[in-house]
Each structure stands twice: as C-alpha cells, then as structure tokens.
Amino acid sequence: MTVMLSLRDVRKAYRSASRDVNALDGVDLDLPSDHALALVGESGCGKTTLGELTVGLQRPDAGQIMHASGVDLANCRPRSLRSLRPRLQMVFQNPFASFAPHLRLHQSLAPVARRQGIAQPMIISALVDSLEQVGLSAAHLDRYPAQLSGGQLQRASLARALLCDPQYIVADEISSALDVAAQDELTRLLGRLRAQRHFTLLFITHDLGLARQVADDVCVMDAGRIVERGRADQVLDDPQTRAAKRLVDAIPRFRY
C-alpha cells in the first residue's frame, strides 16, 4: 500500500509570554493513499494543528512529514512546498470564515481555477462542473456567502478544493455547525467524492458516530499524542485507552 504522507516524531509548541503549550508531542502517523482516516479526540488535543502541518499551512518545530513524492513538508524549500500545496487541501470548520463576504461565489472560486492553469474561456465551465460534483448548481455562482446555508458553503469549500485535483484533503470538523440531516448529507457526499476521485481523507472530528460513517481507520489523540489506532469498528466497539473510552462514553444513547 502506497503511503501518501508519513509523519515521524512530529512536534509543535505554541509559545506565549506566560507559558508554552505542546500541541503535538512526538506524533508518528502513516496516511495511506486512497484511504479515509478519522482523527478523533477532545478539544485542544492537537487535531487541527496536525491537519494544518500535513498540508503545509504550518511547519513543525521538529520531526519529518514526508510526502510520497519525496518532499519533506517539515524541512523543504518554499519553492518545493508551493509546487505541492495545491494537491494538499484543507476544508475548515467555519465555512462563513472561508469566503470573503463581499465577493460572489464565482469571484472566490475563479482565482483558484486560474492558478490551476485553466484558460479564461473555460473557467465558468470548470466552476460549474466542480459545484455540480458537490450537489450545487450554476445558480449558486452569483450568490454571496450570506445567501447560502452553512451546508451549502461547506459544499462550496469542497468544490474549491476539488478544483485543485487534490491527492489529499483534510476535513477539519466540517460538519460541527450543521444540523443532523446536513451532517448526514455531507458525510455521504465525502464518501461519493472519495469513490470518484480517490483522494486520501483526514477527517478530523470529536464525533465518533461520524467517524464510523466516514473512515476506514480511526486514530485517537490525547494531549498531543496518538494513543490508539485501528479499524473504525474495532476502536469504537472495543476502545483500549482511557481517551478512547471517554469519547465512546460521550456518544448519546437514546432510551425508549
């Protein structure tokens, strides 16, 4: 099995005048190609930091993040990172913060298409095709972010990522602000897109129910470390660590 990204002894601390916070404390992780991995854990355990490091939005203080092409994202030259970055995409938790409120959707998406080398006469066609892949239509291109729902904007965020023909997408708590029906639609969409596009997915969440729907494997983080990894059903049905058991115990259970 080809490994898309391999992390070894990755460390990251955030420093302030009052104290240092170790966000990642020696993370080892392999992300196989064409694979969905859920990264779960309580708030503040380092999930988002890890996601940002794997797409080059931050650099670690120490360690190695090796891409399948041989580029080490932790230590490479800026030129190497710039050439690789379009293939490594991240969709963020708050879709309303991901788009400029004063720009119509096509104004936010068109620059991405141009950077991908799409000729000007073909840009609108490329944008429509990308939107249709996520269940939106050409009519949405002329709307402002405030005219779209949170679920529609998250779909637009995915469409923007797809314009770059990604090898790898980090989905960082992308359903946390959505209602249950919209969460279900979004997770089903991710499954369809993976089947069609064959990208590697890192699905960051604190919701183990969603992790079970989306992922092949689950990694549990606690205090900047990965403390457990296994098949989704294995981890969720028979957790081995205290961190995993806390998450499983927090799953709502309805009584009739």
C-alpha atoms as a PDB file:
ATOM      1  CA  MET A   1       0.000   0.000   0.000  1.00  0.00           C
ATOM      2  CA  THR A   2       1.373   3.388  -1.018  1.00  0.00           C
ATOM      3  CA  VAL A   3       1.755   5.898   1.815  1.00  0.00           C
ATOM      4  CA  MET A   4       0.678   9.424   0.891  1.00  0.00           C
ATOM      5  CA  LEU A   5       2.158  11.092   3.977  1.00  0.00           C
ATOM      6  CA  SER A   6       4.429   9.718   6.674  1.00  0.00           C
ATOM      7  CA  LEU A   7       4.921  11.632   9.927  1.00  0.00           C
ATOM      8  CA  ARG A   8       7.796  10.796  12.262  1.00  0.00           C
ATOM      9  CA  ASP A   9       8.351  12.299  15.715  1.00  0.00           C
ATOM     10  CA  VAL A  10       6.465  15.481  14.789  1.00  0.00           C
ATOM     11  CA  ARG A  11       6.459  18.149  17.484  1.00  0.00           C
ATOM     12  CA  LYS A  12       4.827  21.559  17.661  1.00  0.00           C
ATOM     13  CA  ALA A  13       4.579  24.027  20.540  1.00  0.00           C
ATOM     14  CA  TYR A  14       2.824  27.372  20.785  1.00  0.00           C
ATOM     15  CA  ARG A  15       4.726  29.863  22.893  1.00  0.00           C
ATOM     16  CA  SER A  16       3.455  32.908  24.727  1.00  0.00           C
ATOM     17  CA  ALA A  17       4.780  35.218  27.425  1.00  0.00           C
ATOM     18  CA  SER A  18       3.043  33.205  30.131  1.00  0.00           C
ATOM     19  CA  ARG A  19       3.591  29.584  29.061  1.00  0.00           C
ATOM     20  CA  ASP A  20       4.336  27.081  26.308  1.00  0.00           C
ATOM     21  CA  VAL A  21       1.690  24.663  25.053  1.00  0.00           C
ATOM     22  CA  ASN A  22       2.810  21.421  23.426  1.00  0.00           C
ATOM     23  CA  ALA A  23       0.217  20.894  20.704  1.00  0.00           C
ATOM     24  CA  LEU A  24       1.984  17.857  19.231  1.00  0.00           C
ATOM     25  CA  ASP A  25       4.360  15.753  21.277  1.00  0.00           C
ATOM     26  CA  GLY A  26       6.124  13.208  19.088  1.00  0.00           C
ATOM     27  CA  VAL A  27       3.467  12.105  16.576  1.00  0.00           C
ATOM     28  CA  ASP A  28       4.124   9.127  14.304  1.00  0.00           C
ATOM     29  CA  LEU A  29       1.474   8.542  11.646  1.00  0.00           C
ATOM     30  CA  ASP A  30       1.163   7.000   8.181  1.00  0.00           C
ATOM     31  CA  LEU A  31      -1.624   8.141   5.838  1.00  0.00           C
ATOM     32  CA  PRO A  32      -2.120   5.590   3.031  1.00  0.00           C
ATOM     33  CA  SER A  33      -3.177   6.680  -0.441  1.00  0.00           C
ATOM     34  CA  ASP A  34      -6.894   6.428  -1.304  1.00  0.00           C
ATOM     35  CA  HIS A  35      -7.767   5.907   2.347  1.00  0.00           C
ATOM     36  CA  ALA A  36     -10.014   7.655   4.873  1.00  0.00           C
ATOM     37  CA  LEU A  37      -8.632   8.161   8.359  1.00  0.00           C
ATOM     38  CA  ALA A  38     -10.654   9.766  11.152  1.00  0.00           C
ATOM     39  CA  LEU A  39      -8.645  11.737  13.707  1.00  0.00           C
ATOM     40  CA  VAL A  40     -10.698  11.965  16.890  1.00  0.00           C
ATOM     41  CA  GLY A  41     -10.105  13.495  20.284  1.00  0.00           C
ATOM     42  CA  GLU A  42     -11.282  16.073  22.738  1.00  0.00           C
ATOM     43  CA  SER A  43     -10.951  19.785  22.024  1.00  0.00           C
ATOM     44  CA  GLY A  44      -7.392  21.049  22.415  1.00  0.00           C
ATOM     45  CA  CYS A  45      -5.698  17.691  21.875  1.00  0.00           C
ATOM     46  CA  GLY A  46      -3.835  18.842  18.734  1.00  0.00           C
ATOM     47  CA  LYS A  47      -6.058  17.584  15.902  1.00  0.00           C
ATOM     48  CA  THR A  48      -6.274  20.835  13.915  1.00  0.00           C
ATOM     49  CA  THR A  49      -2.566  21.545  14.355  1.00  0.00           C
ATOM     50  CA  LEU A  50      -1.739  18.129  12.935  1.00  0.00           C
ATOM     51  CA  GLY A  51      -4.068  18.731   9.993  1.00  0.00           C
ATOM     52  CA  GLU A  52      -2.504  22.109   9.204  1.00  0.00           C
ATOM     53  CA  LEU A  53       1.012  20.642   9.329  1.00  0.00           C
ATOM     54  CA  THR A  54       0.103  17.909   6.850  1.00  0.00           C
ATOM     55  CA  VAL A  55      -0.982  20.442   4.206  1.00  0.00           C
ATOM     56  CA  GLY A  56       1.929  22.819   4.777  1.00  0.00           C
ATOM     57  CA  LEU A  57      -0.027  25.636   6.451  1.00  0.00           C
ATOM     58  CA  GLN A  58       2.352  25.382   9.404  1.00  0.00           C
ATOM     59  CA  ARG A  59       5.753  23.820   9.953  1.00  0.00           C
ATOM     60  CA  PRO A  60       6.633  21.669  12.947  1.00  0.00           C
ATOM     61  CA  ASP A  61       9.328  22.517  15.458  1.00  0.00           C
ATOM     62  CA  ALA A  62      10.858  19.076  14.904  1.00  0.00           C
ATOM     63  CA  GLY A  63      10.234  15.874  13.016  1.00  0.00           C
ATOM     64  CA  GLN A  64       9.558  14.792   9.452  1.00  0.00           C
ATOM     65  CA  ILE A  65       6.439  14.948   7.256  1.00  0.00           C
ATOM     66  CA  MET A  66       7.373  13.008   4.144  1.00  0.00           C
ATOM     67  CA  HIS A  67       5.164  13.146   1.052  1.00  0.00           C
ATOM     68  CA  ALA A  68       5.062  10.248  -1.416  1.00  0.00           C
ATOM     69  CA  SER A  69       6.938  12.431  -3.923  1.00  0.00           C
ATOM     70  CA  GLY A  70       9.941  12.528  -1.584  1.00  0.00           C
ATOM     71  CA  VAL A  71       9.331  16.086  -0.351  1.00  0.00           C
ATOM     72  CA  ASP A  72       9.613  16.618   3.403  1.00  0.00           C
ATOM     73  CA  LEU A  73       6.984  19.245   4.222  1.00  0.00           C
ATOM     74  CA  ALA A  74       8.712  19.937   7.524  1.00  0.00           C
ATOM     75  CA  ASN A  75      12.058  20.910   6.041  1.00  0.00           C
ATOM     76  CA  CYS A  76      11.696  21.572   2.303  1.00  0.00           C
ATOM     77  CA  ARG A  77      12.420  24.805   0.480  1.00  0.00           C
ATOM     78  CA  PRO A  78       9.482  27.194  -0.056  1.00  0.00           C
ATOM     79  CA  ARG A  79       9.541  26.541  -3.824  1.00  0.00           C
ATOM     80  CA  SER A  80       9.037  22.801  -3.313  1.00  0.00           C
ATOM     81  CA  LEU A  81       6.200  23.450  -0.896  1.00  0.00           C
ATOM     82  CA  ARG A  82       4.473  25.892  -3.258  1.00  0.00           C
ATOM     83  CA  SER A  83       4.510  23.370  -6.095  1.00  0.00           C
ATOM     84  CA  LEU A  84       2.989  20.663  -3.893  1.00  0.00           C
ATOM     85  CA  ARG A  85       0.486  22.717  -1.885  1.00  0.00           C
ATOM     86  CA  PRO A  86      -2.396  22.722  -4.427  1.00  0.00           C
ATOM     87  CA  ARG A  87      -2.605  18.938  -4.182  1.00  0.00           C
ATOM     88  CA  LEU A  88      -2.925  19.137  -0.387  1.00  0.00           C
ATOM     89  CA  GLN A  89      -6.185  20.807   0.560  1.00  0.00           C
ATOM     90  CA  MET A  90      -7.893  21.677   3.843  1.00  0.00           C
ATOM     91  CA  VAL A  91     -11.578  22.438   4.429  1.00  0.00           C
ATOM     92  CA  PHE A  92     -12.146  24.350   7.656  1.00  0.00           C
ATOM     93  CA  GLN A  93     -14.718  24.204  10.418  1.00  0.00           C
ATOM     94  CA  ASN A  94     -16.386  27.577   9.816  1.00  0.00           C
ATOM     95  CA  PRO A  95     -17.484  27.923   6.179  1.00  0.00           C
ATOM     96  CA  PHE A  96     -18.543  31.551   6.649  1.00  0.00           C
ATOM     97  CA  ALA A  97     -14.953  32.445   7.561  1.00  0.00           C
ATOM     98  CA  SER A  98     -13.653  30.656   4.458  1.00  0.00           C
ATOM     99  CA  PHE A  99     -15.182  33.062   1.927  1.00  0.00           C
ATOM    100  CA  ALA A 100     -14.922  36.836   1.647  1.00  0.00           C
ATOM    101  CA  PRO A 101     -18.404  38.160   2.488  1.00  0.00           C
ATOM    102  CA  HIS A 102     -18.265  40.916  -0.157  1.00  0.00           C
ATOM    103  CA  LEU A 103     -17.469  38.553  -3.059  1.00  0.00           C
ATOM    104  CA  ARG A 104     -19.902  36.446  -5.026  1.00  0.00           C
ATOM    105  CA  LEU A 105     -19.061  32.762  -5.088  1.00  0.00           C
ATOM    106  CA  HIS A 106     -17.622  32.839  -8.610  1.00  0.00           C
ATOM    107  CA  GLN A 107     -15.288  35.671  -7.559  1.00  0.00           C
ATOM    108  CA  SER A 108     -13.860  33.497  -4.786  1.00  0.00           C
ATOM    109  CA  LEU A 109     -13.543  30.363  -6.912  1.00  0.00           C
ATOM    110  CA  ALA A 110     -12.242  31.806 -10.204  1.00  0.00           C
ATOM    111  CA  PRO A 111      -8.732  32.682  -8.897  1.00  0.00           C
ATOM    112  CA  VAL A 112      -8.279  29.048  -7.838  1.00  0.00           C
ATOM    113  CA  ALA A 113      -9.140  27.899 -11.351  1.00  0.00           C
ATOM    114  CA  ARG A 114      -6.726  30.415 -12.873  1.00  0.00           C
ATOM    115  CA  ARG A 115      -3.888  29.254 -10.625  1.00  0.00           C
ATOM    116  CA  GLN A 116      -4.548  25.739 -11.878  1.00  0.00           C
ATOM    117  CA  GLY A 117      -3.884  26.926 -15.423  1.00  0.00           C
ATOM    118  CA  ILE A 118      -7.477  26.802 -16.626  1.00  0.00           C
ATOM    119  CA  ALA A 119      -7.906  29.155 -19.594  1.00  0.00           C
ATOM    120  CA  GLN A 120     -10.190  32.144 -19.048  1.00  0.00           C
ATOM    121  CA  PRO A 121     -12.914  31.000 -21.511  1.00  0.00           C
ATOM    122  CA  MET A 122     -13.158  27.674 -19.656  1.00  0.00           C
ATOM    123  CA  ILE A 123     -13.250  28.973 -16.084  1.00  0.00           C
ATOM    124  CA  ILE A 124     -17.018  29.230 -15.637  1.00  0.00           C
ATOM    125  CA  SER A 125     -17.466  25.757 -17.097  1.00  0.00           C
ATOM    126  CA  ALA A 126     -14.851  24.410 -14.655  1.00  0.00           C
ATOM    127  CA  LEU A 127     -16.561  26.139 -11.726  1.00  0.00           C
ATOM    128  CA  VAL A 128     -19.974  24.741 -12.665  1.00  0.00           C
ATOM    129  CA  ASP A 129     -18.533  21.243 -13.030  1.00  0.00           C
ATOM    130  CA  SER A 130     -16.909  21.485  -9.601  1.00  0.00           C
ATOM    131  CA  LEU A 131     -20.114  22.751  -7.982  1.00  0.00           C
ATOM    132  CA  GLU A 132     -22.200  20.028  -9.586  1.00  0.00           C
ATOM    133  CA  GLN A 133     -19.871  17.398  -8.129  1.00  0.00           C
ATOM    134  CA  VAL A 134     -20.847  18.588  -4.647  1.00  0.00           C
ATOM    135  CA  GLY A 135     -24.561  18.947  -5.319  1.00  0.00           C
ATOM    136  CA  LEU A 136     -24.698  22.672  -6.106  1.00  0.00           C
ATOM    137  CA  SER A 137     -25.505  24.354  -9.410  1.00  0.00           C
ATOM    138  CA  ALA A 138     -24.511  27.230 -11.677  1.00  0.00           C
ATOM    139  CA  ALA A 139     -27.151  29.384  -9.985  1.00  0.00           C
ATOM    140  CA  HIS A 140     -25.049  29.427  -6.800  1.00  0.00           C
ATOM    141  CA  LEU A 141     -22.116  31.119  -8.534  1.00  0.00           C
ATOM    142  CA  ASP A 142     -23.758  34.542  -8.428  1.00  0.00           C
ATOM    143  CA  ARG A 143     -24.656  34.404  -4.734  1.00  0.00           C
ATOM    144  CA  TYR A 144     -22.877  35.966  -1.781  1.00  0.00           C
ATOM    145  CA  PRO A 145     -21.871  33.740   1.167  1.00  0.00           C
ATOM    146  CA  ALA A 146     -24.662  35.189   3.323  1.00  0.00           C
ATOM    147  CA  GLN A 147     -27.179  33.948   0.755  1.00  0.00           C
ATOM    148  CA  LEU A 148     -26.071  30.339   1.266  1.00  0.00           C
ATOM    149  CA  SER A 149     -26.653  27.991   4.179  1.00  0.00           C
ATOM    150  CA  GLY A 150     -23.776  26.595   6.210  1.00  0.00           C
ATOM    151  CA  GLY A 151     -24.162  23.240   4.484  1.00  0.00           C
ATOM    152  CA  GLN A 152     -24.113  24.853   1.034  1.00  0.00           C
ATOM    153  CA  LEU A 153     -20.994  26.834   1.912  1.00  0.00           C
ATOM    154  CA  GLN A 154     -19.217  23.704   3.112  1.00  0.00           C
ATOM    155  CA  ARG A 155     -20.087  22.095  -0.215  1.00  0.00           C
ATOM    156  CA  ALA A 156     -18.647  25.171  -1.940  1.00  0.00           C
ATOM    157  CA  SER A 157     -15.478  24.768   0.149  1.00  0.00           C
ATOM    158  CA  LEU A 158     -15.211  21.186  -1.073  1.00  0.00           C
ATOM    159  CA  ALA A 159     -15.793  22.371  -4.647  1.00  0.00           C
ATOM    160  CA  ARG A 160     -12.921  24.837  -4.271  1.00  0.00           C
ATOM    161  CA  ALA A 161     -10.661  22.037  -3.054  1.00  0.00           C
ATOM    162  CA  LEU A 162     -11.694  19.797  -5.976  1.00  0.00           C
ATOM    163  CA  LEU A 163     -10.623  22.484  -8.471  1.00  0.00           C
ATOM    164  CA  CYS A 164      -7.045  21.669  -7.441  1.00  0.00           C
ATOM    165  CA  ASP A 165      -7.416  17.939  -8.241  1.00  0.00           C
ATOM    166  CA  PRO A 166      -6.251  17.077  -4.713  1.00  0.00           C
ATOM    167  CA  GLN A 167      -4.399  13.968  -3.639  1.00  0.00           C
ATOM    168  CA  TYR A 168      -5.246  14.679  -0.023  1.00  0.00           C
ATOM    169  CA  ILE A 169      -7.998  16.587   1.801  1.00  0.00           C
ATOM    170  CA  VAL A 170      -8.149  17.475   5.477  1.00  0.00           C
ATOM    171  CA  ALA A 171     -11.759  17.968   6.598  1.00  0.00           C
ATOM    172  CA  ASP A 172     -11.497  19.766   9.931  1.00  0.00           C
ATOM    173  CA  GLU A 173     -14.736  19.462  11.934  1.00  0.00           C
ATOM    174  CA  ILE A 174     -16.593  20.441   8.757  1.00  0.00           C
ATOM    175  CA  SER A 175     -19.977  19.200   9.988  1.00  0.00           C
ATOM    176  CA  SER A 176     -19.842  20.569  13.543  1.00  0.00           C
ATOM    177  CA  ALA A 177     -22.013  23.628  12.782  1.00  0.00           C
ATOM    178  CA  LEU A 178     -24.605  21.679  10.775  1.00  0.00           C
ATOM    179  CA  ASP A 179     -27.841  20.013  11.793  1.00  0.00           C
ATOM    180  CA  VAL A 180     -28.078  16.227  11.826  1.00  0.00           C
ATOM    181  CA  ALA A 181     -29.625  15.958   8.352  1.00  0.00           C
ATOM    182  CA  ALA A 182     -26.983  18.225   6.822  1.00  0.00           C
ATOM    183  CA  GLN A 183     -24.234  16.265   8.597  1.00  0.00           C
ATOM    184  CA  ASP A 184     -25.516  13.048   7.089  1.00  0.00           C
ATOM    185  CA  GLU A 185     -25.668  14.589   3.595  1.00  0.00           C
ATOM    186  CA  LEU A 186     -22.128  15.935   3.911  1.00  0.00           C
ATOM    187  CA  THR A 187     -20.619  12.658   5.096  1.00  0.00           C
ATOM    188  CA  ARG A 188     -22.359  10.746   2.310  1.00  0.00           C
ATOM    189  CA  LEU A 189     -21.016  13.315  -0.164  1.00  0.00           C
ATOM    190  CA  LEU A 190     -17.471  12.776   1.108  1.00  0.00           C
ATOM    191  CA  GLY A 191     -17.864   9.056   0.550  1.00  0.00           C
ATOM    192  CA  ARG A 192     -19.062   9.567  -3.034  1.00  0.00           C
ATOM    193  CA  LEU A 193     -16.268  12.021  -3.805  1.00  0.00           C
ATOM    194  CA  ARG A 194     -13.631   9.639  -2.451  1.00  0.00           C
ATOM    195  CA  ALA A 195     -15.016   6.814  -4.592  1.00  0.00           C
ATOM    196  CA  GLN A 196     -14.881   9.047  -7.676  1.00  0.00           C
ATOM    197  CA  ARG A 197     -11.670  10.984  -7.059  1.00  0.00           C
ATOM    198  CA  HIS A 198      -9.568   8.530  -4.984  1.00  0.00           C
ATOM    199  CA  PHE A 199      -8.018  11.106  -2.678  1.00  0.00           C
ATOM    200  CA  THR A 200      -6.741  10.440   0.825  1.00  0.00           C
ATOM    201  CA  LEU A 201      -9.009  11.932   3.501  1.00  0.00           C
ATOM    202  CA  LEU A 202      -8.106  13.019   7.016  1.00  0.00           C
ATOM    203  CA  PHE A 203     -11.454  13.534   8.742  1.00  0.00           C
ATOM    204  CA  ILE A 204     -10.968  15.488  11.969  1.00  0.00           C
ATOM    205  CA  THR A 205     -13.843  15.227  14.422  1.00  0.00           C
ATOM    206  CA  HIS A 206     -14.812  14.736  18.046  1.00  0.00           C
ATOM    207  CA  ASP A 207     -17.931  12.837  16.939  1.00  0.00           C
ATOM    208  CA  LEU A 208     -17.296   9.091  16.886  1.00  0.00           C
ATOM    209  CA  GLY A 209     -20.589   8.411  15.154  1.00  0.00           C
ATOM    210  CA  LEU A 210     -19.470  10.468  12.156  1.00  0.00           C
ATOM    211  CA  ALA A 211     -16.045   8.851  12.277  1.00  0.00           C
ATOM    212  CA  ARG A 212     -17.669   5.439  11.904  1.00  0.00           C
ATOM    213  CA  GLN A 213     -19.631   6.630   8.838  1.00  0.00           C
ATOM    214  CA  VAL A 214     -16.684   8.219   7.038  1.00  0.00           C
ATOM    215  CA  ALA A 215     -13.475   6.428   7.916  1.00  0.00           C
ATOM    216  CA  ASP A 216     -11.671   3.174   7.249  1.00  0.00           C
ATOM    217  CA  ASP A 217      -9.453   3.664  10.308  1.00  0.00           C
ATOM    218  CA  VAL A 218      -9.662   5.792  13.442  1.00  0.00           C
ATOM    219  CA  CYS A 219      -6.806   7.452  15.322  1.00  0.00           C
ATOM    220  CA  VAL A 220      -7.414   8.724  18.838  1.00  0.00           C
ATOM    221  CA  MET A 221      -5.425  11.757  20.010  1.00  0.00           C
ATOM    222  CA  ASP A 222      -4.853  12.826  23.584  1.00  0.00           C
ATOM    223  CA  ALA A 223      -2.595  15.664  24.796  1.00  0.00           C
ATOM    224  CA  GLY A 224      -0.693  15.926  21.527  1.00  0.00           C
ATOM    225  CA  ARG A 225      -0.103  12.206  21.060  1.00  0.00           C
ATOM    226  CA  ILE A 226      -1.784   9.440  19.089  1.00  0.00           C
ATOM    227  CA  VAL A 227      -2.719   6.907  21.724  1.00  0.00           C
ATOM    228  CA  GLU A 228      -4.777   4.401  19.726  1.00  0.00           C
ATOM    229  CA  ARG A 229      -5.328   3.395  16.100  1.00  0.00           C
ATOM    230  CA  GLY A 230      -7.377   0.690  14.471  1.00  0.00           C
ATOM    231  CA  ARG A 231     -10.258  -0.144  12.203  1.00  0.00           C
ATOM    232  CA  ALA A 232     -13.205   2.130  12.889  1.00  0.00           C
ATOM    233  CA  ASP A 233     -15.466  -0.594  14.301  1.00  0.00           C
ATOM    234  CA  GLN A 234     -12.626  -2.027  16.385  1.00  0.00           C
ATOM    235  CA  VAL A 235     -11.785   1.275  18.091  1.00  0.00           C
ATOM    236  CA  LEU A 236     -15.383   2.342  18.600  1.00  0.00           C
ATOM    237  CA  ASP A 237     -16.720  -1.015  19.798  1.00  0.00           C
ATOM    238  CA  ASP A 238     -13.742  -2.023  21.930  1.00  0.00           C
ATOM    239  CA  PRO A 239     -11.701   1.057  22.924  1.00  0.00           C
ATOM    240  CA  GLN A 240      -8.411   0.249  24.626  1.00  0.00           C
ATOM    241  CA  THR A 241      -7.289   3.590  26.064  1.00  0.00           C
ATOM    242  CA  ARG A 242      -8.849   5.958  28.565  1.00  0.00           C
ATOM    243  CA  ALA A 243      -9.015   8.723  25.936  1.00  0.00           C
ATOM    244  CA  ALA A 244     -10.929   6.490  23.517  1.00  0.00           C
ATOM    245  CA  LYS A 245     -13.245   5.230  26.272  1.00  0.00           C
ATOM    246  CA  ARG A 246     -14.110   8.817  27.251  1.00  0.00           C
ATOM    247  CA  LEU A 247     -15.127   9.565  23.667  1.00  0.00           C
ATOM    248  CA  VAL A 248     -17.167   6.375  23.361  1.00  0.00           C
ATOM    249  CA  ASP A 249     -18.909   7.071  26.671  1.00  0.00           C
ATOM    250  CA  ALA A 250     -19.879  10.531  25.374  1.00  0.00           C
ATOM    251  CA  ILE A 251     -21.842   9.127  22.424  1.00  0.00           C
ATOM    252  CA  PRO A 252     -25.551   9.891  23.003  1.00  0.00           C
ATOM    253  CA  ARG A 253     -27.633   6.811  23.677  1.00  0.00           C
ATOM    254  CA  PHE A 254     -31.380   7.061  23.396  1.00  0.00           C
ATOM    255  CA  ARG A 255     -33.762   5.101  25.574  1.00  0.00           C
ATOM    256  CA  TYR A 256     -37.319   4.330  24.567  1.00  0.00           C
END
